[in-house]
Amino acid sequence: MTATSSEFPYSLIATDLDGTLLRGDDTVSARTRDALAEAGKGGATHLVVTGRAVPWTRQVFDVLGYEGLAVCGQGGQVYDAGARRMITSVTLDRDLARRAVARIEAEVGPLLLAASRDGVDGEVVVAPGYAVQEGPLPHVPSTDPEVLWAEPLNKLYLQHPSLGDDELASAARRLAGDLVSVTMAGAGVVELLPSGLSKARGLSLVARRLGVRKQETLAFGDMPNDVPLLSWAGHGVAMANAHPELLAVCDEVTASNEEDGIALVLERLLDG
């Protein structure tokens, strides 16, 4: 089904990438592309709001032909995809992050770490033992732990040999939440971020730049890092494959990312 063009009831459509806009093979279905295009004809702007930092997002933009603004790095980066230019970037205080790691390790034992360096071409440096997800995302292995801290960072990734993601994230918040923000963005992806940072912060900056109010924003997501995103938006939609934390705060649940969940909502709003 392809939605018919009409005035769209929201000015901004904010979508997460992984588990939301993207299918498991990192593609976007033709149906979802068509629905976003029709919503665009109806006056809506599509805004990607992703936990991925810019270097891990640019290849997706190239495939999608996406040239607008984007919120990357869990809200810490605002990027102009068309101009390939970073507009704003918030960095993680490395001294605070090291203190946070020390506090967490003092209770739960050694962590497995990876560091996302700041900048349009920032590398992800991976320490021994950290399990990198399969796929095309570039990373640089290092056997020297000090290399993780050698350059400005936008985030730090944590894993634990035995704790699950939810358990690790909870422990990190309890032990170091006064130093850094902690979020969980997917399987094996617990992150330490600059204090107070969230997708909502980045989204609000871009919305203000575009002259759009939160009531005029429709947002889609699937993981705990999307809780601030959906909570800020006028209407928050969780995918059927979403984490229970997101399902608990959303306004609506749609089909999964594999079943055109975004398109189903957009088509209904266009037809309505």
C-alpha atoms as a PDB file:
ATOM      1  CA  MET A   1       0.000   0.000   0.000  1.00  0.00           C
ATOM      2  CA  THR A   2       1.210   3.523  -0.774  1.00  0.00           C
ATOM      3  CA  ALA A   3      -0.260   6.411   1.173  1.00  0.00           C
ATOM      4  CA  THR A   4      -1.967   9.135  -0.793  1.00  0.00           C
ATOM      5  CA  SER A   5      -0.543  12.638  -0.402  1.00  0.00           C
ATOM      6  CA  SER A   6      -2.438  14.967   1.944  1.00  0.00           C
ATOM      7  CA  GLU A   7      -1.663  17.458   4.699  1.00  0.00           C
ATOM      8  CA  PHE A   8       0.240  15.667   7.433  1.00  0.00           C
ATOM      9  CA  PRO A   9      -0.797  16.412  11.047  1.00  0.00           C
ATOM     10  CA  TYR A  10       2.777  16.669  12.390  1.00  0.00           C
ATOM     11  CA  SER A  11       5.562  19.013  11.280  1.00  0.00           C
ATOM     12  CA  LEU A  12       8.429  16.774  12.356  1.00  0.00           C
ATOM     13  CA  ILE A  13       8.863  12.971  12.180  1.00  0.00           C
ATOM     14  CA  ALA A  14      11.759  11.881  14.394  1.00  0.00           C
ATOM     15  CA  THR A  15      12.918   8.311  13.847  1.00  0.00           C
ATOM     16  CA  ASP A  16      15.540   6.190  15.520  1.00  0.00           C
ATOM     17  CA  LEU A  17      17.568   4.015  13.117  1.00  0.00           C
ATOM     18  CA  ASP A  18      18.440   0.556  14.456  1.00  0.00           C
ATOM     19  CA  GLY A  19      15.395  -1.545  15.288  1.00  0.00           C
ATOM     20  CA  THR A  20      13.090   1.257  14.132  1.00  0.00           C
ATOM     21  CA  LEU A  21      13.643   2.745  10.679  1.00  0.00           C
ATOM     22  CA  LEU A  22      16.200   0.133   9.643  1.00  0.00           C
ATOM     23  CA  ARG A  23      15.401  -3.520   9.181  1.00  0.00           C
ATOM     24  CA  GLY A  24      17.787  -6.180  10.428  1.00  0.00           C
ATOM     25  CA  ASP A  25      19.795  -5.991   7.203  1.00  0.00           C
ATOM     26  CA  ASP A  26      20.301  -2.196   7.619  1.00  0.00           C
ATOM     27  CA  THR A  27      17.863  -1.351   4.807  1.00  0.00           C
ATOM     28  CA  VAL A  28      14.649   0.677   4.738  1.00  0.00           C
ATOM     29  CA  SER A  29      11.665  -0.880   3.004  1.00  0.00           C
ATOM     30  CA  ALA A  30      10.176   0.714  -0.110  1.00  0.00           C
ATOM     31  CA  ARG A  31       6.874   1.059   1.722  1.00  0.00           C
ATOM     32  CA  THR A  32       8.450   3.041   4.556  1.00  0.00           C
ATOM     33  CA  ARG A  33      10.383   5.213   2.095  1.00  0.00           C
ATOM     34  CA  ASP A  34       7.156   5.956   0.212  1.00  0.00           C
ATOM     35  CA  ALA A  35       5.258   6.801   3.408  1.00  0.00           C
ATOM     36  CA  LEU A  36       7.981   9.196   4.548  1.00  0.00           C
ATOM     37  CA  ALA A  37       8.001  10.815   1.099  1.00  0.00           C
ATOM     38  CA  GLU A  38       4.225  11.310   1.180  1.00  0.00           C
ATOM     39  CA  ALA A  39       4.409  12.776   4.676  1.00  0.00           C
ATOM     40  CA  GLY A  40       7.081  15.129   3.342  1.00  0.00           C
ATOM     41  CA  LYS A  41       4.751  16.247   0.568  1.00  0.00           C
ATOM     42  CA  GLY A  42       2.212  16.900   3.318  1.00  0.00           C
ATOM     43  CA  GLY A  43       4.586  19.301   5.057  1.00  0.00           C
ATOM     44  CA  ALA A  44       6.502  17.060   7.475  1.00  0.00           C
ATOM     45  CA  THR A  45      10.287  16.991   7.887  1.00  0.00           C
ATOM     46  CA  HIS A  46      11.940  13.644   8.551  1.00  0.00           C
ATOM     47  CA  LEU A  47      14.667  13.832  11.211  1.00  0.00           C
ATOM     48  CA  VAL A  48      16.952  10.911  12.050  1.00  0.00           C
ATOM     49  CA  VAL A  49      17.660  10.767  15.800  1.00  0.00           C
ATOM     50  CA  THR A  50      20.134   7.977  16.454  1.00  0.00           C
ATOM     51  CA  GLY A  51      22.472   6.728  19.133  1.00  0.00           C
ATOM     52  CA  ARG A  52      25.108   6.110  16.491  1.00  0.00           C
ATOM     53  CA  ALA A  53      27.823   8.728  16.277  1.00  0.00           C
ATOM     54  CA  VAL A  54      28.268  10.462  12.919  1.00  0.00           C
ATOM     55  CA  PRO A  55      30.966   8.136  11.495  1.00  0.00           C
ATOM     56  CA  TRP A  56      28.676   5.131  12.057  1.00  0.00           C
ATOM     57  CA  THR A  57      25.722   6.946  10.508  1.00  0.00           C
ATOM     58  CA  ARG A  58      27.051   8.501   7.306  1.00  0.00           C
ATOM     59  CA  GLN A  59      26.881   5.284   5.273  1.00  0.00           C
ATOM     60  CA  VAL A  60      23.178   4.965   6.154  1.00  0.00           C
ATOM     61  CA  PHE A  61      22.551   8.535   4.991  1.00  0.00           C
ATOM     62  CA  ASP A  62      24.329   7.808   1.715  1.00  0.00           C
ATOM     63  CA  VAL A  63      22.148   4.764   1.056  1.00  0.00           C
ATOM     64  CA  LEU A  64      18.948   6.612   1.985  1.00  0.00           C
ATOM     65  CA  GLY A  65      19.856   9.740   0.069  1.00  0.00           C
ATOM     66  CA  TYR A  66      19.259  11.597   3.343  1.00  0.00           C
ATOM     67  CA  GLU A  67      20.483  15.214   3.166  1.00  0.00           C
ATOM     68  CA  GLY A  68      18.805  16.957   6.077  1.00  0.00           C
ATOM     69  CA  LEU A  69      19.869  17.612   9.640  1.00  0.00           C
ATOM     70  CA  ALA A  70      20.372  14.616  11.925  1.00  0.00           C
ATOM     71  CA  VAL A  71      20.767  14.098  15.652  1.00  0.00           C
ATOM     72  CA  CYS A  72      23.548  11.568  16.302  1.00  0.00           C
ATOM     73  CA  GLY A  73      25.525  10.252  19.273  1.00  0.00           C
ATOM     74  CA  GLN A  74      22.535   9.987  21.644  1.00  0.00           C
ATOM     75  CA  GLY A  75      21.769  13.688  21.191  1.00  0.00           C
ATOM     76  CA  GLY A  76      25.332  14.956  21.473  1.00  0.00           C
ATOM     77  CA  GLN A  77      25.865  15.680  17.780  1.00  0.00           C
ATOM     78  CA  VAL A  78      23.841  17.713  15.298  1.00  0.00           C
ATOM     79  CA  TYR A  79      25.003  16.909  11.788  1.00  0.00           C
ATOM     80  CA  ASP A  80      24.146  18.379   8.386  1.00  0.00           C
ATOM     81  CA  ALA A  81      24.100  15.282   6.163  1.00  0.00           C
ATOM     82  CA  GLY A  82      23.795  17.239   2.911  1.00  0.00           C
ATOM     83  CA  ALA A  83      26.792  19.451   3.668  1.00  0.00           C
ATOM     84  CA  ARG A  84      28.626  16.629   5.518  1.00  0.00           C
ATOM     85  CA  ARG A  85      29.296  19.092   8.322  1.00  0.00           C
ATOM     86  CA  MET A  86      29.104  18.833  12.104  1.00  0.00           C
ATOM     87  CA  ILE A  87      27.061  21.696  13.532  1.00  0.00           C
ATOM     88  CA  THR A  88      27.357  20.945  17.255  1.00  0.00           C
ATOM     89  CA  SER A  89      29.152  18.258  19.236  1.00  0.00           C
ATOM     90  CA  VAL A  90      29.198  17.588  22.987  1.00  0.00           C
ATOM     91  CA  THR A  91      32.167  15.685  24.384  1.00  0.00           C
ATOM     92  CA  LEU A  92      32.431  13.374  27.363  1.00  0.00           C
ATOM     93  CA  ASP A  93      34.659  14.569  30.212  1.00  0.00           C
ATOM     94  CA  ARG A  94      37.313  11.858  30.217  1.00  0.00           C
ATOM     95  CA  ASP A  95      38.313  12.399  33.851  1.00  0.00           C
ATOM     96  CA  LEU A  96      34.706  11.964  34.976  1.00  0.00           C
ATOM     97  CA  ALA A  97      34.314   8.927  32.723  1.00  0.00           C
ATOM     98  CA  ARG A  98      37.422   7.289  34.204  1.00  0.00           C
ATOM     99  CA  ARG A  99      36.108   7.926  37.704  1.00  0.00           C
ATOM    100  CA  ALA A 100      32.767   6.451  36.678  1.00  0.00           C
ATOM    101  CA  VAL A 101      34.416   3.309  35.304  1.00  0.00           C
ATOM    102  CA  ALA A 102      36.483   2.940  38.489  1.00  0.00           C
ATOM    103  CA  ARG A 103      33.376   3.202  40.679  1.00  0.00           C
ATOM    104  CA  ILE A 104      31.482   0.641  38.631  1.00  0.00           C
ATOM    105  CA  GLU A 105      34.400  -1.795  38.503  1.00  0.00           C
ATOM    106  CA  ALA A 106      34.909  -1.514  42.263  1.00  0.00           C
ATOM    107  CA  GLU A 107      31.543  -3.215  42.740  1.00  0.00           C
ATOM    108  CA  VAL A 108      30.907  -5.388  39.669  1.00  0.00           C
ATOM    109  CA  GLY A 109      34.462  -6.223  38.598  1.00  0.00           C
ATOM    110  CA  PRO A 110      36.377  -5.487  35.381  1.00  0.00           C
ATOM    111  CA  LEU A 111      34.455  -3.991  32.466  1.00  0.00           C
ATOM    112  CA  LEU A 112      35.017  -4.485  28.744  1.00  0.00           C
ATOM    113  CA  LEU A 113      35.332  -1.083  27.070  1.00  0.00           C
ATOM    114  CA  ALA A 114      35.195   0.690  23.733  1.00  0.00           C
ATOM    115  CA  ALA A 115      35.542   4.431  23.147  1.00  0.00           C
ATOM    116  CA  SER A 116      33.857   6.540  20.477  1.00  0.00           C
ATOM    117  CA  ARG A 117      36.099   9.437  19.512  1.00  0.00           C
ATOM    118  CA  ASP A 118      34.618  12.824  18.750  1.00  0.00           C
ATOM    119  CA  GLY A 119      34.371  14.312  15.266  1.00  0.00           C
ATOM    120  CA  VAL A 120      33.038  13.585  11.795  1.00  0.00           C
ATOM    121  CA  ASP A 121      35.758  10.961  11.295  1.00  0.00           C
ATOM    122  CA  GLY A 122      36.084   9.851  14.916  1.00  0.00           C
ATOM    123  CA  GLU A 123      37.115   6.215  15.304  1.00  0.00           C
ATOM    124  CA  VAL A 124      35.673   3.666  17.709  1.00  0.00           C
ATOM    125  CA  VAL A 125      38.593   2.175  19.622  1.00  0.00           C
ATOM    126  CA  VAL A 126      37.936  -1.282  21.058  1.00  0.00           C
ATOM    127  CA  ALA A 127      39.834  -2.784  24.004  1.00  0.00           C
ATOM    128  CA  PRO A 128      40.468  -6.540  24.317  1.00  0.00           C
ATOM    129  CA  GLY A 129      37.383  -8.608  25.122  1.00  0.00           C
ATOM    130  CA  TYR A 130      34.788  -6.074  23.974  1.00  0.00           C
ATOM    131  CA  ALA A 131      32.380  -7.856  21.616  1.00  0.00           C
ATOM    132  CA  VAL A 132      31.821  -5.769  18.504  1.00  0.00           C
ATOM    133  CA  GLN A 133      28.518  -6.422  16.752  1.00  0.00           C
ATOM    134  CA  GLU A 134      28.706  -8.011  13.347  1.00  0.00           C
ATOM    135  CA  GLY A 135      28.197  -5.678  10.407  1.00  0.00           C
ATOM    136  CA  PRO A 136      29.841  -2.862   8.485  1.00  0.00           C
ATOM    137  CA  LEU A 137      30.578  -0.515  11.409  1.00  0.00           C
ATOM    138  CA  PRO A 138      34.309   0.330  11.407  1.00  0.00           C
ATOM    139  CA  HIS A 139      36.389   0.048  14.581  1.00  0.00           C
ATOM    140  CA  VAL A 140      40.018   0.002  15.630  1.00  0.00           C
ATOM    141  CA  PRO A 141      41.228  -2.718  18.046  1.00  0.00           C
ATOM    142  CA  SER A 142      43.814  -1.741  20.653  1.00  0.00           C
ATOM    143  CA  THR A 143      45.731  -3.734  23.243  1.00  0.00           C
ATOM    144  CA  ASP A 144      46.755  -0.599  25.171  1.00  0.00           C
ATOM    145  CA  PRO A 145      43.962   0.546  27.536  1.00  0.00           C
ATOM    146  CA  GLU A 146      45.364   4.086  27.607  1.00  0.00           C
ATOM    147  CA  VAL A 147      44.617   4.511  23.904  1.00  0.00           C
ATOM    148  CA  LEU A 148      40.900   4.630  24.808  1.00  0.00           C
ATOM    149  CA  TRP A 149      41.488   7.895  26.650  1.00  0.00           C
ATOM    150  CA  ALA A 150      43.995   9.517  24.288  1.00  0.00           C
ATOM    151  CA  GLU A 151      41.587  11.740  22.323  1.00  0.00           C
ATOM    152  CA  PRO A 152      38.283  13.586  22.954  1.00  0.00           C
ATOM    153  CA  LEU A 153      35.301  11.218  23.185  1.00  0.00           C
ATOM    154  CA  ASN A 154      31.567  11.497  22.659  1.00  0.00           C
ATOM    155  CA  LYS A 155      30.740   8.286  24.540  1.00  0.00           C
ATOM    156  CA  LEU A 156      32.140   5.187  26.185  1.00  0.00           C
ATOM    157  CA  TYR A 157      30.711   1.702  25.586  1.00  0.00           C
ATOM    158  CA  LEU A 158      30.526  -0.803  28.458  1.00  0.00           C
ATOM    159  CA  GLN A 159      30.104  -4.571  28.533  1.00  0.00           C
ATOM    160  CA  HIS A 160      30.473  -7.073  31.377  1.00  0.00           C
ATOM    161  CA  PRO A 161      31.522 -10.726  31.221  1.00  0.00           C
ATOM    162  CA  SER A 162      28.452 -11.949  33.102  1.00  0.00           C
ATOM    163  CA  LEU A 163      25.964  -9.136  33.796  1.00  0.00           C
ATOM    164  CA  GLY A 164      23.107  -8.605  31.336  1.00  0.00           C
ATOM    165  CA  ASP A 165      22.587  -5.239  29.669  1.00  0.00           C
ATOM    166  CA  ASP A 166      19.734  -4.097  31.911  1.00  0.00           C
ATOM    167  CA  GLU A 167      21.602  -5.192  35.042  1.00  0.00           C
ATOM    168  CA  LEU A 168      24.804  -3.454  33.943  1.00  0.00           C
ATOM    169  CA  ALA A 169      22.988  -0.237  33.021  1.00  0.00           C
ATOM    170  CA  SER A 170      21.180  -0.211  36.360  1.00  0.00           C
ATOM    171  CA  ALA A 171      24.414  -0.722  38.280  1.00  0.00           C
ATOM    172  CA  ALA A 172      26.186   1.993  36.287  1.00  0.00           C
ATOM    173  CA  ARG A 173      23.400   4.499  36.999  1.00  0.00           C
ATOM    174  CA  ARG A 174      23.389   3.684  40.692  1.00  0.00           C
ATOM    175  CA  LEU A 175      27.158   3.853  41.085  1.00  0.00           C
ATOM    176  CA  ALA A 176      28.091   6.678  38.705  1.00  0.00           C
ATOM    177  CA  GLY A 177      24.902   8.477  37.701  1.00  0.00           C
ATOM    178  CA  ASP A 178      26.068  11.640  39.440  1.00  0.00           C
ATOM    179  CA  LEU A 179      29.100  11.793  37.134  1.00  0.00           C
ATOM    180  CA  VAL A 180      27.742  10.726  33.749  1.00  0.00           C
ATOM    181  CA  SER A 181      24.519   9.777  32.025  1.00  0.00           C
ATOM    182  CA  VAL A 182      23.951   6.070  31.358  1.00  0.00           C
ATOM    183  CA  THR A 183      21.790   4.534  28.670  1.00  0.00           C
ATOM    184  CA  MET A 184      21.166   1.214  26.970  1.00  0.00           C
ATOM    185  CA  ALA A 185      20.780   1.392  23.208  1.00  0.00           C
ATOM    186  CA  GLY A 186      20.600  -2.266  22.190  1.00  0.00           C
ATOM    187  CA  ALA A 187      21.990  -5.709  22.835  1.00  0.00           C
ATOM    188  CA  GLY A 188      25.493  -5.326  24.252  1.00  0.00           C
ATOM    189  CA  VAL A 189      25.322  -1.530  24.015  1.00  0.00           C
ATOM    190  CA  VAL A 190      25.445   0.167  27.428  1.00  0.00           C
ATOM    191  CA  GLU A 191      26.878   3.665  27.163  1.00  0.00           C
ATOM    192  CA  LEU A 192      28.356   6.374  29.369  1.00  0.00           C
ATOM    193  CA  LEU A 193      27.497   9.867  28.076  1.00  0.00           C
ATOM    194  CA  PRO A 194      28.040  13.482  29.124  1.00  0.00           C
ATOM    195  CA  SER A 195      25.890  14.259  32.155  1.00  0.00           C
ATOM    196  CA  GLY A 196      22.345  15.282  31.194  1.00  0.00           C
ATOM    197  CA  LEU A 197      22.686  14.215  27.577  1.00  0.00           C
ATOM    198  CA  SER A 198      19.820  12.416  25.819  1.00  0.00           C
ATOM    199  CA  LYS A 199      18.159  12.190  22.438  1.00  0.00           C
ATOM    200  CA  ALA A 200      15.564  14.676  23.691  1.00  0.00           C
ATOM    201  CA  ARG A 201      18.249  17.320  24.116  1.00  0.00           C
ATOM    202  CA  GLY A 202      19.456  16.976  20.543  1.00  0.00           C
ATOM    203  CA  LEU A 203      15.914  16.769  19.184  1.00  0.00           C
ATOM    204  CA  SER A 204      14.874  19.925  21.026  1.00  0.00           C
ATOM    205  CA  LEU A 205      17.851  21.822  19.574  1.00  0.00           C
ATOM    206  CA  VAL A 206      16.971  20.861  16.003  1.00  0.00           C
ATOM    207  CA  ALA A 207      13.256  21.436  16.543  1.00  0.00           C
ATOM    208  CA  ARG A 208      14.010  24.945  17.776  1.00  0.00           C
ATOM    209  CA  ARG A 209      16.232  25.519  14.751  1.00  0.00           C
ATOM    210  CA  LEU A 210      13.382  24.386  12.472  1.00  0.00           C
ATOM    211  CA  GLY A 211      10.758  26.371  14.358  1.00  0.00           C
ATOM    212  CA  VAL A 212       8.845  23.241  15.390  1.00  0.00           C
ATOM    213  CA  ARG A 213       7.203  22.750  18.793  1.00  0.00           C
ATOM    214  CA  LYS A 214       7.218  19.465  20.688  1.00  0.00           C
ATOM    215  CA  GLN A 215       3.438  19.156  20.172  1.00  0.00           C
ATOM    216  CA  GLU A 216       4.098  19.087  16.424  1.00  0.00           C
ATOM    217  CA  THR A 217       6.580  16.209  16.677  1.00  0.00           C
ATOM    218  CA  LEU A 218       5.919  12.517  16.032  1.00  0.00           C
ATOM    219  CA  ALA A 219       8.668  10.165  17.263  1.00  0.00           C
ATOM    220  CA  PHE A 220       9.473   6.471  16.761  1.00  0.00           C
ATOM    221  CA  GLY A 221      11.885   4.275  18.742  1.00  0.00           C
ATOM    222  CA  ASP A 222      12.589   0.863  20.219  1.00  0.00           C
ATOM    223  CA  MET A 223      15.124   0.990  23.077  1.00  0.00           C
ATOM    224  CA  PRO A 224      15.584   2.614  26.516  1.00  0.00           C
ATOM    225  CA  ASN A 225      17.706   5.355  24.943  1.00  0.00           C
ATOM    226  CA  ASP A 226      14.524   6.358  23.083  1.00  0.00           C
ATOM    227  CA  VAL A 227      12.546   6.996  26.295  1.00  0.00           C
ATOM    228  CA  PRO A 228      13.533  10.708  26.394  1.00  0.00           C
ATOM    229  CA  LEU A 229      12.852  10.983  22.649  1.00  0.00           C
ATOM    230  CA  LEU A 230       9.299   9.648  22.877  1.00  0.00           C
ATOM    231  CA  SER A 231       8.635  11.476  26.142  1.00  0.00           C
ATOM    232  CA  TRP A 232       9.610  14.833  24.606  1.00  0.00           C
ATOM    233  CA  ALA A 233       7.578  14.428  21.414  1.00  0.00           C
ATOM    234  CA  GLY A 234       3.917  15.280  21.104  1.00  0.00           C
ATOM    235  CA  HIS A 235       3.187  11.667  20.147  1.00  0.00           C
ATOM    236  CA  GLY A 236       5.603   8.803  20.839  1.00  0.00           C
ATOM    237  CA  VAL A 237       5.350   5.478  19.001  1.00  0.00           C
ATOM    238  CA  ALA A 238       7.181   2.320  20.081  1.00  0.00           C
ATOM    239  CA  MET A 239       7.877  -0.514  17.697  1.00  0.00           C
ATOM    240  CA  ALA A 240       6.432  -3.941  18.511  1.00  0.00           C
ATOM    241  CA  ASN A 241      10.010  -5.143  19.048  1.00  0.00           C
ATOM    242  CA  ALA A 242      10.639  -2.386  21.631  1.00  0.00           C
ATOM    243  CA  HIS A 243      12.200  -2.819  25.065  1.00  0.00           C
ATOM    244  CA  PRO A 244       9.695  -2.960  27.974  1.00  0.00           C
ATOM    245  CA  GLU A 245      10.974   0.388  29.328  1.00  0.00           C
ATOM    246  CA  LEU A 246       9.884   2.102  26.116  1.00  0.00           C
ATOM    247  CA  LEU A 247       6.596   0.227  25.872  1.00  0.00           C
ATOM    248  CA  ALA A 248       5.777   1.565  29.341  1.00  0.00           C
ATOM    249  CA  VAL A 249       5.983   5.242  28.318  1.00  0.00           C
ATOM    250  CA  CYS A 250       4.869   5.346  24.672  1.00  0.00           C
ATOM    251  CA  ASP A 251       1.554   6.718  23.409  1.00  0.00           C
ATOM    252  CA  GLU A 252       1.148   3.972  20.818  1.00  0.00           C
ATOM    253  CA  VAL A 253       2.663   0.655  19.737  1.00  0.00           C
ATOM    254  CA  THR A 254       3.015  -0.131  16.051  1.00  0.00           C
ATOM    255  CA  ALA A 255       4.278  -3.171  14.153  1.00  0.00           C
ATOM    256  CA  SER A 256       7.956  -4.132  14.262  1.00  0.00           C
ATOM    257  CA  ASN A 257      10.739  -2.628  12.176  1.00  0.00           C
ATOM    258  CA  GLU A 258      10.587  -5.749   9.995  1.00  0.00           C
ATOM    259  CA  GLU A 259       6.854  -5.246   9.377  1.00  0.00           C
ATOM    260  CA  ASP A 260       6.752  -1.601   8.239  1.00  0.00           C
ATOM    261  CA  GLY A 261       5.706  -0.275  11.628  1.00  0.00           C
ATOM    262  CA  ILE A 262       6.583   3.327  10.759  1.00  0.00           C
ATOM    263  CA  ALA A 263       4.767   3.164   7.429  1.00  0.00           C
ATOM    264  CA  LEU A 264       1.584   1.828   9.056  1.00  0.00           C
ATOM    265  CA  VAL A 265       1.357   4.853  11.359  1.00  0.00           C
ATOM    266  CA  LEU A 266       2.212   7.376   8.656  1.00  0.00           C
ATOM    267  CA  GLU A 267      -0.291   5.897   6.197  1.00  0.00           C
ATOM    268  CA  ARG A 268      -3.043   5.998   8.797  1.00  0.00           C
ATOM    269  CA  LEU A 269      -2.326   9.636   9.603  1.00  0.00           C
ATOM    270  CA  LEU A 270      -2.198  10.557   5.922  1.00  0.00           C
ATOM    271  CA  ASP A 271      -5.458   8.774   5.212  1.00  0.00           C
ATOM    272  CA  GLY A 272      -7.063  10.253   8.301  1.00  0.00           C
END
